[in-house]
């Protein structure tokens, strides 16, 4: 992605978060120069994978396959004394896919905080590590048990959530005609370096073409 595209995504996300009065930490608004004055904080956020994250999964089709994220809080896997939880706030566009994946460590609640509706499609993980296309999927939406056929979908409206157990294969996207979706995530510790298992993409992070200055660095650029 071009840096100008990433800057535009961050500006859009900030406007949408403000529209539901979701306030980000002060350092969410730091410029690269501000971060340079806060090396300890920069190293902390980098180690905890906290801050801005914009990805097109290395495919250059952000509108069709991409995600804007901000990690508000997070621990570090298998580190004594670290918090055991994480929180994110994300923007998902209409028909913009977060592709098929699962986590071995992280359980998570996906919560629609505002905007449009979120479509979530689900499979169980088979013994061979592939999608189990035979067995029913069981998930709870705000405590309500849902039993779906393999590949079944749920549609979450603002205020609704789904709890995704470990190893449940899922993808999600914004429902057509409903506008961008503001999505929260509350989970166990998040590790995008070791606990994402994708099926049809190899790149979690985006290669950046520097066509203009960054307004805010991404978390993986902090402390570098």
Protein backbone atom coordinates (compact mmCIF):
# COMPACT_ATOMS: atom_id res chain seq x y z
CA UNK A 1 0.00 0.00 0.00
CA UNK A 2 1.04 3.59 -0.48
CA UNK A 3 1.63 5.60 2.66
CA UNK A 4 -0.97 8.08 1.43
CA UNK A 5 -3.56 5.27 1.43
CA UNK A 6 -2.61 4.27 4.96
CA UNK A 7 -2.85 7.90 6.11
CA UNK A 8 -6.31 8.17 4.56
CA UNK A 9 -7.40 4.94 6.28
CA UNK A 10 -6.26 6.23 9.66
CA UNK A 11 -8.09 9.54 9.17
CA UNK A 12 -11.26 7.64 8.21
CA UNK A 13 -10.97 5.39 11.24
CA UNK A 14 -10.49 8.32 13.62
CA UNK A 15 -13.61 10.00 12.24
CA UNK A 16 -15.66 6.82 12.62
CA UNK A 17 -14.42 6.16 16.16
CA UNK A 18 -15.31 9.74 17.07
CA UNK A 19 -18.79 9.23 15.60
CA UNK A 20 -19.53 6.71 18.37
CA UNK A 21 -17.54 8.62 21.01
CA UNK A 22 -14.86 5.92 21.19
CA UNK A 23 -11.80 7.78 22.39
CA UNK A 24 -8.32 6.50 21.63
CA UNK A 25 -5.29 6.88 23.91
CA UNK A 26 -3.34 10.13 23.61
CA UNK A 27 -0.47 8.38 21.85
CA UNK A 28 -2.81 7.29 19.04
CA UNK A 29 -2.41 10.85 17.76
CA UNK A 30 1.37 11.03 18.04
CA UNK A 31 3.38 11.99 14.98
CA UNK A 32 6.67 10.22 14.21
CA UNK A 33 8.40 13.20 15.82
CA UNK A 34 6.30 12.82 18.99
CA UNK A 35 7.21 9.14 19.17
CA UNK A 36 10.88 9.98 18.84
CA UNK A 37 10.56 11.89 22.11
CA UNK A 38 9.02 8.86 23.83
CA UNK A 39 11.42 5.95 23.18
CA UNK A 40 10.35 3.91 26.23
CA UNK A 41 6.67 4.15 25.28
CA UNK A 42 7.48 3.36 21.65
CA UNK A 43 9.37 0.22 22.64
CA UNK A 44 6.55 -0.80 25.00
CA UNK A 45 3.86 -0.42 22.33
CA UNK A 46 5.99 -2.23 19.75
CA UNK A 47 6.63 -5.15 22.11
CA UNK A 48 2.91 -5.33 22.95
CA UNK A 49 1.78 -4.89 19.32
CA UNK A 50 -0.30 -1.87 20.35
CA UNK A 51 -1.29 0.98 18.07
CA UNK A 52 -2.25 1.50 14.44
CA UNK A 53 -2.31 -1.35 11.95
CA UNK A 54 -3.52 -1.14 8.33
CA UNK A 55 -3.22 -4.17 6.08
CA UNK A 56 -4.13 -5.34 2.60
CA UNK A 57 -2.64 -8.79 3.30
CA UNK A 58 0.05 -8.08 0.74
CA UNK A 59 -2.37 -8.27 -2.19
CA UNK A 60 -2.85 -4.64 -3.17
CA UNK A 61 -6.66 -4.92 -3.09
CA UNK A 62 -7.45 -3.06 0.11
CA UNK A 63 -11.09 -2.28 -0.75
CA UNK A 64 -11.80 -5.98 -1.36
CA UNK A 65 -9.45 -7.54 1.22
CA UNK A 66 -8.11 -5.40 4.01
CA UNK A 67 -8.59 -4.13 7.54
CA UNK A 68 -7.94 -1.04 9.68
CA UNK A 69 -7.11 -1.86 13.29
CA UNK A 70 -6.08 -0.13 16.47
CA UNK A 71 -4.88 -2.26 19.38
CA UNK A 72 -5.70 -0.40 22.59
CA UNK A 73 -4.24 -2.85 25.10
CA UNK A 74 -2.45 -6.19 24.99
CA UNK A 75 -0.15 -8.52 26.88
CA UNK A 76 2.73 -10.65 25.61
CA UNK A 77 2.24 -14.38 25.22
CA UNK A 78 3.92 -16.59 27.85
CA UNK A 79 5.48 -13.63 29.66
CA UNK A 80 5.04 -13.65 33.47
CA UNK A 81 3.42 -10.54 34.85
CA UNK A 82 1.78 -9.55 31.56
CA UNK A 83 -1.95 -8.89 31.30
CA UNK A 84 -3.82 -11.93 29.87
CA UNK A 85 -6.15 -9.92 27.63
CA UNK A 86 -6.30 -7.64 24.60
CA UNK A 87 -8.67 -5.07 23.12
CA UNK A 88 -8.91 -3.81 19.55
CA UNK A 89 -11.14 -1.47 17.58
CA UNK A 90 -11.37 -2.02 13.82
CA UNK A 91 -13.00 -0.70 10.66
CA UNK A 92 -14.41 -3.16 8.10
CA UNK A 93 -15.77 -1.81 4.81
CA UNK A 94 -18.74 -3.11 2.84
CA UNK A 95 -17.70 -6.41 1.24
CA UNK A 96 -14.17 -5.86 2.56
CA UNK A 97 -12.94 -9.25 3.68
CA UNK A 98 -10.76 -10.25 6.58
CA UNK A 99 -9.76 -13.62 5.06
CA UNK A 100 -10.16 -17.15 6.42
CA UNK A 101 -8.02 -17.79 9.49
CA UNK A 102 -7.98 -19.15 13.02
CA UNK A 103 -6.02 -18.84 16.25
CA UNK A 104 -4.60 -21.63 18.39
CA UNK A 105 -4.14 -19.56 21.56
CA UNK A 106 -6.61 -16.70 21.39
CA UNK A 107 -10.30 -16.85 22.18
CA UNK A 108 -12.11 -13.67 21.18
CA UNK A 109 -15.35 -11.77 21.21
CA UNK A 110 -16.09 -9.87 18.01
CA UNK A 111 -18.42 -6.97 18.79
CA UNK A 112 -20.17 -4.57 16.41
CA UNK A 113 -19.79 -1.19 18.09
CA UNK A 114 -21.50 0.89 15.41
CA UNK A 115 -21.97 1.56 11.71
CA UNK A 116 -23.20 -1.25 9.47
CA UNK A 117 -23.65 -4.98 9.93
CA UNK A 118 -20.87 -7.55 10.08
CA UNK A 119 -21.17 -10.91 8.32
CA UNK A 120 -19.15 -13.70 9.96
CA UNK A 121 -18.71 -17.09 8.24
CA UNK A 122 -17.50 -20.14 10.18
CA UNK A 123 -16.00 -23.63 9.91
CA UNK A 124 -14.61 -26.04 12.45
CA UNK A 125 -10.96 -27.03 12.09
CA UNK A 126 -10.57 -30.57 10.75
CA UNK A 127 -8.08 -33.16 11.99
CA UNK A 128 -5.97 -32.62 8.87
CA UNK A 129 -5.67 -28.89 9.57
CA UNK A 130 -8.16 -27.97 6.84
CA UNK A 131 -11.72 -26.70 6.96
CA UNK A 132 -14.15 -29.33 8.21
CA UNK A 133 -16.89 -29.04 5.59
CA UNK A 134 -19.16 -31.63 7.22
CA UNK A 135 -19.61 -30.83 10.91
CA UNK A 136 -21.99 -28.23 12.31
CA UNK A 137 -20.55 -25.14 13.97
CA UNK A 138 -21.67 -24.03 17.41
CA UNK A 139 -21.14 -20.43 18.51
CA UNK A 140 -22.78 -18.11 20.97
CA UNK A 141 -23.97 -14.62 20.09
CA UNK A 142 -24.36 -12.60 23.30
CA UNK A 143 -24.85 -15.90 25.12
CA UNK A 144 -27.39 -17.37 22.67
CA UNK A 145 -26.36 -20.73 21.22
CA UNK A 146 -26.35 -20.91 17.42
CA UNK A 147 -25.94 -24.21 15.56
CA UNK A 148 -24.96 -23.62 11.93
CA UNK A 149 -24.01 -25.87 9.04
CA UNK A 150 -20.35 -25.90 8.01
CA UNK A 151 -19.59 -22.56 6.34
CA UNK A 152 -22.69 -21.02 7.88
CA UNK A 153 -22.91 -17.32 8.56
CA UNK A 154 -24.22 -15.01 11.19
CA UNK A 155 -25.00 -11.33 10.69
CA UNK A 156 -24.21 -9.06 13.62
CA UNK A 157 -25.96 -5.73 13.98
CA UNK A 158 -24.60 -2.86 16.13
CA UNK A 159 -24.52 -3.96 19.75
CA UNK A 160 -24.30 -7.67 18.95
CA UNK A 161 -21.30 -9.93 19.41
CA UNK A 162 -20.06 -13.46 18.80
CA UNK A 163 -17.64 -15.52 20.88
CA UNK A 164 -15.12 -17.42 18.76
CA UNK A 165 -13.41 -20.38 20.45
CA UNK A 166 -9.83 -21.34 19.72
CA UNK A 167 -9.25 -22.98 16.31
CA UNK A 168 -12.64 -21.91 14.91
CA UNK A 169 -12.02 -20.89 11.31
CA UNK A 170 -13.63 -17.59 10.43
CA UNK A 171 -13.74 -14.71 8.02
CA UNK A 172 -15.81 -11.55 8.15
CA UNK A 173 -16.86 -8.62 5.98
CA UNK A 174 -19.29 -5.69 5.99
CA UNK A 175 -22.79 -6.40 4.72
CA UNK A 176 -23.63 -4.81 1.37
CA UNK A 177 -25.55 -1.55 1.57
CA UNK A 178 -25.01 -0.98 5.29
CA UNK A 179 -21.84 1.12 5.24
CA UNK A 180 -18.54 0.59 7.06
CA UNK A 181 -18.64 -1.36 10.31
CA UNK A 182 -16.97 -0.33 13.57
CA UNK A 183 -15.86 -3.60 15.14
CA UNK A 184 -14.48 -4.20 18.60
CA UNK A 185 -12.48 -7.18 19.72
CA UNK A 186 -12.01 -8.34 23.32
CA UNK A 187 -9.79 -11.37 23.62
CA UNK A 188 -7.01 -13.23 25.25
CA UNK A 189 -3.54 -11.93 24.43
CA UNK A 190 -3.21 -11.16 20.73
CA UNK A 191 -0.05 -12.10 18.82
CA UNK A 192 -0.18 -11.30 15.13
CA UNK A 193 3.33 -12.69 14.65
CA UNK A 194 2.70 -16.27 15.85
CA UNK A 195 -1.02 -16.93 16.34
CA UNK A 196 -2.63 -16.21 12.95
CA UNK A 197 -3.18 -19.23 10.70
CA UNK A 198 -4.44 -18.14 7.28
CA UNK A 199 -5.73 -20.35 4.48
CA UNK A 200 -5.32 -18.28 1.32
CA UNK A 201 -2.84 -15.53 2.09
CA UNK A 202 0.74 -15.50 3.36
CA UNK A 203 1.08 -11.85 4.32
CA UNK A 204 -0.40 -10.41 7.51
CA UNK A 205 1.47 -7.12 7.15
CA UNK A 206 1.64 -4.64 4.30
CA UNK A 207 4.65 -3.52 2.27
CA UNK A 208 4.56 0.26 2.19
CA UNK A 209 5.42 2.58 -0.69
CA UNK A 210 6.54 5.87 0.84
CA UNK A 211 4.81 8.47 -1.32
CA UNK A 212 4.23 10.92 1.54
CA UNK A 213 5.12 11.35 5.20
CA UNK A 214 3.32 9.22 7.79
CA UNK A 215 0.83 11.04 10.00
CA UNK A 216 1.05 8.24 12.59
CA UNK A 217 3.41 5.24 12.44
CA UNK A 218 2.03 1.71 12.54
CA UNK A 219 2.78 -0.34 15.65
CA UNK A 220 5.36 -2.48 13.87
CA UNK A 221 7.26 0.70 12.92
CA UNK A 222 7.59 1.91 16.52
CA UNK A 223 10.94 1.66 18.24
CA UNK A 224 12.74 1.09 14.96
